[in-house]
N, C-alpha and C. Protein backbone atom coordinates (compact mmCIF):
# COMPACT_ATOMS: atom_id res chain seq x y z
N UNK A 1 2.24 -11.53 -5.70
CA UNK A 1 2.66 -10.80 -4.53
C UNK A 1 1.51 -10.70 -3.53
N UNK A 2 1.87 -10.57 -2.28
CA UNK A 2 0.89 -10.34 -1.22
C UNK A 2 0.89 -8.84 -0.91
N UNK A 3 -0.25 -8.22 -1.10
CA UNK A 3 -0.35 -6.76 -0.99
C UNK A 3 -1.35 -6.40 0.10
N UNK A 4 -0.96 -5.41 0.91
CA UNK A 4 -1.84 -4.88 1.94
C UNK A 4 -2.23 -3.46 1.54
N UNK A 5 -3.54 -3.20 1.46
CA UNK A 5 -4.05 -1.86 1.13
C UNK A 5 -4.37 -1.13 2.42
N UNK A 6 -3.87 0.08 2.53
CA UNK A 6 -4.14 0.91 3.70
C UNK A 6 -5.64 1.15 3.83
N UNK A 7 -6.09 1.38 5.05
CA UNK A 7 -7.53 1.55 5.27
C UNK A 7 -8.06 2.85 4.70
N UNK A 8 -7.19 3.76 4.30
CA UNK A 8 -7.66 5.02 3.70
C UNK A 8 -7.95 4.87 2.20
N UNK A 9 -7.70 3.69 1.66
CA UNK A 9 -7.99 3.41 0.25
C UNK A 9 -9.32 2.68 0.15
N UNK A 10 -10.14 3.08 -0.79
CA UNK A 10 -11.44 2.44 -1.02
C UNK A 10 -11.23 0.92 -1.18
N UNK A 11 -11.90 0.15 -0.36
CA UNK A 11 -11.70 -1.31 -0.34
C UNK A 11 -12.02 -1.98 -1.68
N UNK A 12 -12.87 -1.33 -2.49
CA UNK A 12 -13.21 -1.89 -3.80
C UNK A 12 -12.01 -1.91 -4.74
N UNK A 13 -11.01 -1.08 -4.45
CA UNK A 13 -9.80 -1.03 -5.27
C UNK A 13 -9.04 -2.37 -5.21
N UNK A 14 -9.19 -3.10 -4.12
CA UNK A 14 -8.52 -4.40 -3.96
C UNK A 14 -8.91 -5.37 -5.07
N UNK A 15 -10.18 -5.34 -5.46
CA UNK A 15 -10.66 -6.25 -6.52
C UNK A 15 -10.05 -5.93 -7.88
N UNK A 16 -9.59 -4.70 -8.04
CA UNK A 16 -9.05 -4.25 -9.33
C UNK A 16 -7.59 -4.68 -9.53
N UNK A 17 -6.93 -5.04 -8.45
CA UNK A 17 -5.52 -5.42 -8.52
C UNK A 17 -5.45 -6.92 -8.82
N UNK A 18 -5.49 -7.25 -10.09
CA UNK A 18 -5.55 -8.65 -10.50
C UNK A 18 -4.16 -9.29 -10.51
N UNK A 19 -4.14 -10.59 -10.28
CA UNK A 19 -2.90 -11.34 -10.34
C UNK A 19 -2.09 -11.30 -9.05
N UNK A 20 -2.67 -10.72 -8.00
CA UNK A 20 -1.98 -10.61 -6.71
C UNK A 20 -2.96 -10.97 -5.60
N UNK A 21 -2.43 -11.35 -4.46
CA UNK A 21 -3.24 -11.61 -3.28
C UNK A 21 -3.34 -10.30 -2.51
N UNK A 22 -4.54 -9.71 -2.46
CA UNK A 22 -4.72 -8.39 -1.88
C UNK A 22 -5.67 -8.45 -0.69
N UNK A 23 -5.27 -7.80 0.39
CA UNK A 23 -6.11 -7.66 1.57
C UNK A 23 -6.09 -6.21 2.00
N UNK A 24 -7.16 -5.76 2.61
CA UNK A 24 -7.19 -4.42 3.17
C UNK A 24 -6.79 -4.51 4.64
N UNK A 25 -6.40 -3.38 5.21
CA UNK A 25 -6.04 -3.35 6.63
C UNK A 25 -7.18 -3.88 7.50
N UNK A 26 -8.43 -3.45 7.29
CA UNK A 26 -9.52 -4.01 8.10
C UNK A 26 -9.70 -5.52 7.92
N UNK A 27 -9.53 -6.03 6.69
CA UNK A 27 -9.65 -7.47 6.47
C UNK A 27 -8.58 -8.24 7.24
N UNK A 28 -7.41 -7.62 7.40
CA UNK A 28 -6.33 -8.26 8.15
C UNK A 28 -6.55 -8.17 9.66
N UNK A 29 -7.58 -7.39 10.07
CA UNK A 29 -7.87 -7.23 11.50
C UNK A 29 -7.05 -6.15 12.16
N UNK A 30 -6.51 -5.23 11.36
CA UNK A 30 -5.60 -4.21 11.89
C UNK A 30 -6.14 -2.79 11.79
N UNK A 31 -7.43 -2.62 11.65
CA UNK A 31 -8.02 -1.28 11.54
C UNK A 31 -7.67 -0.45 12.77
N UNK A 32 -7.31 0.79 12.54
CA UNK A 32 -7.02 1.71 13.64
C UNK A 32 -5.60 1.64 14.17
N UNK A 33 -4.81 0.71 13.69
CA UNK A 33 -3.42 0.58 14.17
C UNK A 33 -2.58 1.67 13.51
N UNK A 34 -1.71 2.30 14.30
CA UNK A 34 -0.85 3.37 13.80
C UNK A 34 0.18 2.81 12.82
N UNK A 35 0.69 3.66 11.93
CA UNK A 35 1.54 3.23 10.83
C UNK A 35 2.78 2.43 11.23
N UNK A 36 3.49 2.84 12.27
CA UNK A 36 4.70 2.11 12.67
C UNK A 36 4.40 0.67 13.05
N UNK A 37 3.41 0.48 13.89
CA UNK A 37 3.01 -0.87 14.30
C UNK A 37 2.42 -1.63 13.11
N UNK A 38 1.67 -0.92 12.28
CA UNK A 38 1.06 -1.55 11.11
C UNK A 38 2.13 -2.10 10.17
N UNK A 39 3.15 -1.32 9.89
CA UNK A 39 4.23 -1.78 9.00
C UNK A 39 4.99 -2.95 9.63
N UNK A 40 5.17 -2.91 10.94
CA UNK A 40 5.84 -4.03 11.63
C UNK A 40 5.05 -5.32 11.45
N UNK A 41 3.74 -5.25 11.66
CA UNK A 41 2.90 -6.44 11.48
C UNK A 41 2.86 -6.87 10.01
N UNK A 42 2.71 -5.89 9.12
CA UNK A 42 2.54 -6.18 7.69
C UNK A 42 3.75 -6.85 7.07
N UNK A 43 4.95 -6.46 7.50
CA UNK A 43 6.15 -7.02 6.87
C UNK A 43 6.27 -8.53 7.08
N UNK A 44 5.60 -9.07 8.06
CA UNK A 44 5.64 -10.52 8.31
C UNK A 44 4.73 -11.29 7.36
N UNK A 45 3.71 -10.63 6.81
CA UNK A 45 2.71 -11.33 6.00
C UNK A 45 2.58 -10.84 4.57
N UNK A 46 3.13 -9.66 4.28
CA UNK A 46 2.91 -9.05 2.97
C UNK A 46 4.23 -8.61 2.32
N UNK A 47 4.19 -8.49 1.00
CA UNK A 47 5.35 -8.03 0.24
C UNK A 47 5.32 -6.52 0.01
N UNK A 48 4.11 -5.96 -0.06
CA UNK A 48 3.97 -4.52 -0.35
C UNK A 48 2.80 -3.94 0.41
N UNK A 49 2.97 -2.68 0.80
CA UNK A 49 1.94 -1.90 1.47
C UNK A 49 1.60 -0.73 0.56
N UNK A 50 0.33 -0.61 0.17
CA UNK A 50 -0.10 0.44 -0.74
C UNK A 50 -0.97 1.43 0.03
N UNK A 51 -0.63 2.72 -0.08
CA UNK A 51 -1.31 3.77 0.66
C UNK A 51 -1.44 5.02 -0.20
N UNK A 52 -2.21 5.97 0.28
CA UNK A 52 -2.26 7.29 -0.34
C UNK A 52 -1.67 8.33 0.63
N UNK A 53 -1.16 7.86 1.75
CA UNK A 53 -0.59 8.73 2.79
C UNK A 53 0.78 9.24 2.36
N UNK A 54 0.83 10.45 1.85
CA UNK A 54 2.08 11.03 1.35
C UNK A 54 3.06 11.37 2.46
N UNK A 55 2.60 11.45 3.69
CA UNK A 55 3.47 11.79 4.81
C UNK A 55 4.14 10.57 5.44
N UNK A 56 3.73 9.40 5.05
CA UNK A 56 4.25 8.17 5.66
C UNK A 56 5.78 8.13 5.63
N UNK A 57 6.38 8.51 4.51
CA UNK A 57 7.84 8.45 4.38
C UNK A 57 8.54 9.38 5.36
N UNK A 58 7.87 10.45 5.75
CA UNK A 58 8.46 11.40 6.68
C UNK A 58 8.18 11.03 8.13
N UNK A 59 7.15 10.24 8.36
CA UNK A 59 6.75 9.87 9.72
C UNK A 59 7.38 8.57 10.20
N UNK A 60 7.82 7.74 9.27
CA UNK A 60 8.36 6.42 9.62
C UNK A 60 9.75 6.24 9.01
N UNK A 61 10.55 5.45 9.67
CA UNK A 61 11.88 5.10 9.16
C UNK A 61 11.72 3.87 8.26
N UNK A 62 11.31 4.10 7.03
CA UNK A 62 10.95 3.03 6.11
C UNK A 62 12.07 2.00 5.89
N UNK A 63 13.36 2.41 5.82
CA UNK A 63 14.42 1.41 5.60
C UNK A 63 14.50 0.32 6.68
N UNK A 64 13.91 0.54 7.83
CA UNK A 64 13.95 -0.50 8.88
C UNK A 64 12.96 -1.63 8.62
N UNK A 65 12.07 -1.44 7.66
CA UNK A 65 11.04 -2.45 7.37
C UNK A 65 11.41 -3.27 6.14
N UNK A 66 10.99 -4.53 6.15
CA UNK A 66 11.26 -5.43 5.02
C UNK A 66 10.01 -5.58 4.15
N UNK A 67 9.39 -4.47 3.86
CA UNK A 67 8.20 -4.44 3.02
C UNK A 67 8.33 -3.24 2.09
N UNK A 68 7.88 -3.41 0.87
CA UNK A 68 7.87 -2.29 -0.08
C UNK A 68 6.67 -1.40 0.25
N UNK A 69 6.87 -0.11 0.18
CA UNK A 69 5.79 0.84 0.42
C UNK A 69 5.54 1.61 -0.87
N UNK A 70 4.30 1.58 -1.32
CA UNK A 70 3.95 2.30 -2.55
C UNK A 70 2.89 3.34 -2.21
N UNK A 71 3.19 4.59 -2.55
CA UNK A 71 2.27 5.69 -2.30
C UNK A 71 1.60 6.07 -3.62
N UNK A 72 0.28 5.95 -3.65
CA UNK A 72 -0.50 6.36 -4.82
C UNK A 72 -0.76 7.86 -4.70
N UNK A 73 -0.35 8.60 -5.70
CA UNK A 73 -0.53 10.04 -5.68
C UNK A 73 -1.68 10.43 -6.60
N UNK A 74 -2.86 10.45 -6.00
CA UNK A 74 -4.09 10.77 -6.72
C UNK A 74 -4.71 12.01 -6.06
N UNK A 75 -5.60 12.71 -6.78
CA UNK A 75 -6.25 13.89 -6.19
C UNK A 75 -7.01 13.58 -4.90
N UNK A 76 -7.64 12.40 -4.84
CA UNK A 76 -8.35 11.96 -3.64
C UNK A 76 -8.15 10.45 -3.50
N UNK A 77 -8.67 9.89 -2.43
CA UNK A 77 -8.58 8.44 -2.25
C UNK A 77 -9.83 7.73 -2.75
N UNK A 78 -10.64 8.44 -3.52
CA UNK A 78 -11.85 7.83 -4.08
C UNK A 78 -11.49 6.91 -5.24
N UNK A 79 -12.31 5.90 -5.42
CA UNK A 79 -12.06 4.88 -6.44
C UNK A 79 -11.88 5.49 -7.83
N UNK A 80 -12.68 6.48 -8.17
CA UNK A 80 -12.59 7.09 -9.51
C UNK A 80 -11.24 7.77 -9.73
N UNK A 81 -10.59 8.23 -8.67
CA UNK A 81 -9.28 8.85 -8.80
C UNK A 81 -8.14 7.84 -8.73
N UNK A 82 -8.38 6.71 -8.11
CA UNK A 82 -7.35 5.66 -7.99
C UNK A 82 -7.27 4.78 -9.23
N UNK A 83 -8.40 4.52 -9.86
CA UNK A 83 -8.44 3.62 -11.03
C UNK A 83 -7.42 3.98 -12.11
N UNK A 84 -7.26 5.26 -12.48
CA UNK A 84 -6.30 5.58 -13.53
C UNK A 84 -4.84 5.22 -13.17
N UNK A 85 -4.55 5.05 -11.88
CA UNK A 85 -3.20 4.70 -11.45
C UNK A 85 -2.94 3.20 -11.49
N UNK A 86 -3.99 2.41 -11.69
CA UNK A 86 -3.87 0.95 -11.63
C UNK A 86 -2.81 0.38 -12.58
N UNK A 87 -2.77 0.76 -13.86
CA UNK A 87 -1.73 0.19 -14.73
C UNK A 87 -0.31 0.48 -14.24
N UNK A 88 -0.07 1.69 -13.75
CA UNK A 88 1.27 2.02 -13.24
C UNK A 88 1.56 1.28 -11.95
N UNK A 89 0.54 1.08 -11.12
CA UNK A 89 0.73 0.32 -9.89
C UNK A 89 1.11 -1.11 -10.22
N UNK A 90 0.39 -1.74 -11.13
CA UNK A 90 0.69 -3.12 -11.51
C UNK A 90 2.09 -3.25 -12.09
N UNK A 91 2.53 -2.22 -12.78
CA UNK A 91 3.88 -2.22 -13.34
C UNK A 91 4.93 -2.04 -12.25
N UNK A 92 4.63 -1.23 -11.25
CA UNK A 92 5.59 -0.93 -10.18
C UNK A 92 5.73 -2.06 -9.16
N UNK A 93 4.68 -2.81 -8.93
CA UNK A 93 4.69 -3.82 -7.86
C UNK A 93 5.84 -4.83 -7.94
N UNK A 94 6.09 -5.47 -9.08
CA UNK A 94 7.14 -6.50 -9.09
C UNK A 94 8.54 -5.97 -8.79
N UNK A 95 8.77 -4.70 -9.05
CA UNK A 95 10.10 -4.13 -8.86
C UNK A 95 10.21 -3.20 -7.66
N UNK A 96 9.15 -3.08 -6.89
CA UNK A 96 9.16 -2.17 -5.74
C UNK A 96 10.16 -2.67 -4.70
N UNK A 97 11.16 -1.85 -4.38
CA UNK A 97 12.19 -2.30 -3.44
C UNK A 97 11.69 -2.30 -1.99
N UNK A 98 12.01 -3.35 -1.29
CA UNK A 98 11.64 -3.45 0.12
C UNK A 98 12.45 -2.43 0.93
N UNK A 99 11.81 -1.84 1.91
CA UNK A 99 12.48 -0.85 2.74
C UNK A 99 12.60 0.52 2.07
N UNK A 100 11.83 0.73 1.01
CA UNK A 100 11.84 2.01 0.32
C UNK A 100 10.41 2.41 -0.06
N UNK A 101 10.25 3.71 -0.31
CA UNK A 101 8.96 4.23 -0.75
C UNK A 101 9.03 4.45 -2.26
N UNK A 102 8.06 3.91 -2.97
CA UNK A 102 7.90 4.16 -4.40
C UNK A 102 6.63 4.97 -4.56
N UNK A 103 6.65 5.89 -5.50
CA UNK A 103 5.48 6.72 -5.74
C UNK A 103 4.91 6.42 -7.12
N UNK A 104 3.58 6.32 -7.18
CA UNK A 104 2.89 6.07 -8.44
C UNK A 104 1.94 7.25 -8.65
N UNK A 105 2.14 7.95 -9.76
CA UNK A 105 1.27 9.10 -10.04
C UNK A 105 0.82 9.08 -11.49
């Protein structure tokens, strides 16, 4: 799968997601772009968008996008808090429905 990591996630987390093509928002050249425009751009190049932004589902009309959105629910966005979610994330990715928000905690 092609995965885009939100810029609020530690970029080192991308290396931990094995077996997938992972890019961060800054690597894609989209740093600073607001979520609506970001999801519009991302759906053309990626299968899933991974974030820690719990408000995204309330701020955007996710069903209008053809990309799966996965929200990591960790105490912080630091690598040490995200690592324990990695096995569940890897399990969720293949079945994450496009146009919906999946939560991994």
